[in-house]
Amino acid sequence: MNPDDKRSAAMAAVLFAAFAALAYFLPTIMLAVGDVSIVAAVGVAAAFLVLPFVVFWLRGRAKR
């Protein structure tokens, strides 16, 4: 493995760990936000689903 591959693998591992941690706490976050507004809780869930695609899209654009 060359250094670029190692760096990419490490970054993917960090992003996966951050996404997994967010997924672990997502029910608690949604319940807390849902006490304020159900629409906001749906927005949090939608943002959670779109977030990985946006992060990897931005990362791909930055690598070009």
N, C-alpha and C. Protein backbone atom coordinates (compact mmCIF):
# COMPACT_ATOMS: atom_id res chain seq x y z
N MET A 1 0.84 -1.19 0.00
CA MET A 1 0.00 0.00 0.00
C MET A 1 0.88 1.24 0.00
N ASN A 2 0.53 2.16 -0.87
CA ASN A 2 1.28 3.42 -0.87
C ASN A 2 0.64 4.38 0.15
N PRO A 3 1.31 5.47 0.47
CA PRO A 3 0.79 6.39 1.49
C PRO A 3 -0.58 6.97 1.16
N ASP A 4 -0.86 7.21 -0.11
CA ASP A 4 -2.18 7.75 -0.47
C ASP A 4 -3.29 6.75 -0.16
N ASP A 5 -3.04 5.46 -0.43
CA ASP A 5 -4.03 4.44 -0.13
C ASP A 5 -4.25 4.31 1.37
N LYS A 6 -3.18 4.40 2.13
CA LYS A 6 -3.30 4.32 3.59
C LYS A 6 -4.09 5.50 4.14
N ARG A 7 -3.83 6.67 3.59
CA ARG A 7 -4.54 7.87 4.02
C ARG A 7 -6.02 7.77 3.68
N SER A 8 -6.33 7.27 2.49
CA SER A 8 -7.72 7.11 2.08
C SER A 8 -8.43 6.08 2.95
N ALA A 9 -7.76 4.99 3.26
CA ALA A 9 -8.35 3.96 4.11
C ALA A 9 -8.60 4.49 5.52
N ALA A 10 -7.66 5.25 6.03
CA ALA A 10 -7.82 5.83 7.37
C ALA A 10 -8.98 6.82 7.40
N MET A 11 -9.09 7.63 6.35
CA MET A 11 -10.19 8.60 6.30
C MET A 11 -11.53 7.89 6.18
N ALA A 12 -11.59 6.84 5.39
CA ALA A 12 -12.83 6.07 5.28
C ALA A 12 -13.20 5.45 6.62
N ALA A 13 -12.21 4.96 7.36
CA ALA A 13 -12.48 4.38 8.68
C ALA A 13 -13.00 5.44 9.66
N VAL A 14 -12.42 6.63 9.59
CA VAL A 14 -12.88 7.72 10.47
C VAL A 14 -14.30 8.12 10.12
N LEU A 15 -14.59 8.25 8.83
CA LEU A 15 -15.95 8.61 8.41
C LEU A 15 -16.96 7.54 8.80
N PHE A 16 -16.57 6.27 8.65
CA PHE A 16 -17.46 5.18 9.03
C PHE A 16 -17.72 5.19 10.53
N ALA A 17 -16.68 5.41 11.34
CA ALA A 17 -16.84 5.45 12.79
C ALA A 17 -17.73 6.63 13.21
N ALA A 18 -17.55 7.77 12.58
CA ALA A 18 -18.39 8.93 12.90
C ALA A 18 -19.84 8.68 12.53
N PHE A 19 -20.05 8.06 11.37
CA PHE A 19 -21.42 7.76 10.95
C PHE A 19 -22.05 6.71 11.87
N ALA A 20 -21.27 5.72 12.30
CA ALA A 20 -21.78 4.69 13.21
C ALA A 20 -22.12 5.31 14.57
N ALA A 21 -21.31 6.22 15.06
CA ALA A 21 -21.60 6.88 16.33
C ALA A 21 -22.87 7.71 16.22
N LEU A 22 -23.02 8.41 15.11
CA LEU A 22 -24.23 9.18 14.89
C LEU A 22 -25.45 8.28 14.81
N ALA A 23 -25.30 7.12 14.15
CA ALA A 23 -26.41 6.16 14.05
C ALA A 23 -26.78 5.62 15.43
N TYR A 24 -25.79 5.42 16.29
CA TYR A 24 -26.05 4.91 17.63
C TYR A 24 -26.88 5.91 18.45
N PHE A 25 -26.58 7.19 18.31
CA PHE A 25 -27.27 8.21 19.08
C PHE A 25 -28.48 8.80 18.36
N LEU A 26 -28.74 8.38 17.13
CA LEU A 26 -29.83 8.95 16.35
C LEU A 26 -31.20 8.81 17.03
N PRO A 27 -31.58 7.66 17.60
CA PRO A 27 -32.89 7.58 18.26
C PRO A 27 -33.05 8.59 19.40
N THR A 28 -32.02 8.76 20.19
CA THR A 28 -32.08 9.72 21.29
C THR A 28 -32.20 11.14 20.76
N ILE A 29 -31.44 11.44 19.72
CA ILE A 29 -31.51 12.77 19.11
C ILE A 29 -32.89 13.02 18.53
N MET A 30 -33.43 12.02 17.83
CA MET A 30 -34.75 12.20 17.22
C MET A 30 -35.85 12.37 18.27
N LEU A 31 -35.77 11.64 19.38
CA LEU A 31 -36.76 11.80 20.44
C LEU A 31 -36.67 13.19 21.06
N ALA A 32 -35.45 13.68 21.26
CA ALA A 32 -35.28 15.02 21.83
C ALA A 32 -35.80 16.09 20.88
N VAL A 33 -35.48 15.96 19.60
CA VAL A 33 -35.95 16.94 18.61
C VAL A 33 -37.45 16.77 18.39
N GLY A 34 -37.95 15.54 18.47
CA GLY A 34 -39.37 15.29 18.27
C GLY A 34 -40.25 15.91 19.35
N ASP A 35 -39.68 16.12 20.54
CA ASP A 35 -40.44 16.82 21.58
C ASP A 35 -40.73 18.26 21.18
N VAL A 36 -39.84 18.84 20.38
CA VAL A 36 -40.02 20.21 19.92
C VAL A 36 -40.91 20.24 18.68
N SER A 37 -40.56 19.40 17.69
CA SER A 37 -41.31 19.39 16.43
C SER A 37 -41.10 18.06 15.72
N ILE A 38 -42.20 17.45 15.31
CA ILE A 38 -42.12 16.19 14.58
C ILE A 38 -41.49 16.43 13.21
N VAL A 39 -41.80 17.53 12.59
CA VAL A 39 -41.22 17.85 11.28
C VAL A 39 -39.70 17.99 11.39
N ALA A 40 -39.22 18.59 12.46
CA ALA A 40 -37.78 18.72 12.66
C ALA A 40 -37.13 17.35 12.87
N ALA A 41 -37.82 16.44 13.56
CA ALA A 41 -37.29 15.09 13.76
C ALA A 41 -37.18 14.36 12.42
N VAL A 42 -38.16 14.54 11.55
CA VAL A 42 -38.08 13.95 10.21
C VAL A 42 -36.92 14.57 9.44
N GLY A 43 -36.71 15.85 9.61
CA GLY A 43 -35.57 16.52 8.97
C GLY A 43 -34.24 15.98 9.46
N VAL A 44 -34.14 15.67 10.74
CA VAL A 44 -32.92 15.08 11.28
C VAL A 44 -32.68 13.70 10.66
N ALA A 45 -33.72 12.90 10.54
CA ALA A 45 -33.59 11.57 9.93
C ALA A 45 -33.20 11.70 8.45
N ALA A 46 -33.80 12.63 7.75
CA ALA A 46 -33.46 12.83 6.34
C ALA A 46 -32.02 13.30 6.18
N ALA A 47 -31.59 14.20 7.05
CA ALA A 47 -30.20 14.67 7.00
C ALA A 47 -29.24 13.52 7.28
N PHE A 48 -29.60 12.64 8.20
CA PHE A 48 -28.77 11.48 8.52
C PHE A 48 -28.61 10.57 7.30
N LEU A 49 -29.68 10.40 6.54
CA LEU A 49 -29.63 9.53 5.36
C LEU A 49 -28.84 10.16 4.21
N VAL A 50 -28.89 11.47 4.08
CA VAL A 50 -28.24 12.17 2.97
C VAL A 50 -26.77 12.47 3.29
N LEU A 51 -26.44 12.57 4.57
CA LEU A 51 -25.10 12.99 4.99
C LEU A 51 -23.96 12.17 4.38
N PRO A 52 -24.01 10.84 4.38
CA PRO A 52 -22.87 10.11 3.80
C PRO A 52 -22.65 10.39 2.31
N PHE A 53 -23.74 10.54 1.57
CA PHE A 53 -23.63 10.83 0.15
C PHE A 53 -22.99 12.20 -0.09
N VAL A 54 -23.38 13.17 0.71
CA VAL A 54 -22.82 14.51 0.59
C VAL A 54 -21.34 14.52 0.96
N VAL A 55 -20.99 13.83 2.03
CA VAL A 55 -19.60 13.79 2.47
C VAL A 55 -18.71 13.15 1.40
N PHE A 56 -19.14 12.00 0.86
CA PHE A 56 -18.31 11.34 -0.14
C PHE A 56 -18.30 12.09 -1.46
N TRP A 57 -19.38 12.78 -1.79
CA TRP A 57 -19.40 13.62 -3.00
C TRP A 57 -18.40 14.77 -2.85
N LEU A 58 -18.41 15.42 -1.69
CA LEU A 58 -17.48 16.52 -1.46
C LEU A 58 -16.04 16.02 -1.44
N ARG A 59 -15.84 14.85 -0.86
CA ARG A 59 -14.49 14.28 -0.83
C ARG A 59 -14.01 13.95 -2.24
N GLY A 60 -14.89 13.43 -3.07
CA GLY A 60 -14.53 13.13 -4.44
C GLY A 60 -14.19 14.39 -5.22
N ARG A 61 -14.93 15.46 -5.00
CA ARG A 61 -14.65 16.72 -5.70
C ARG A 61 -13.31 17.30 -5.24
N ALA A 62 -13.01 17.15 -3.95
CA ALA A 62 -11.76 17.70 -3.42
C ALA A 62 -10.54 16.93 -3.95
N LYS A 63 -10.73 15.65 -4.24
CA LYS A 63 -9.61 14.83 -4.72
C LYS A 63 -9.25 15.15 -6.17
N ARG A 64 -10.19 15.75 -6.93
CA ARG A 64 -9.92 16.07 -8.34
C ARG A 64 -8.97 17.21 -8.51
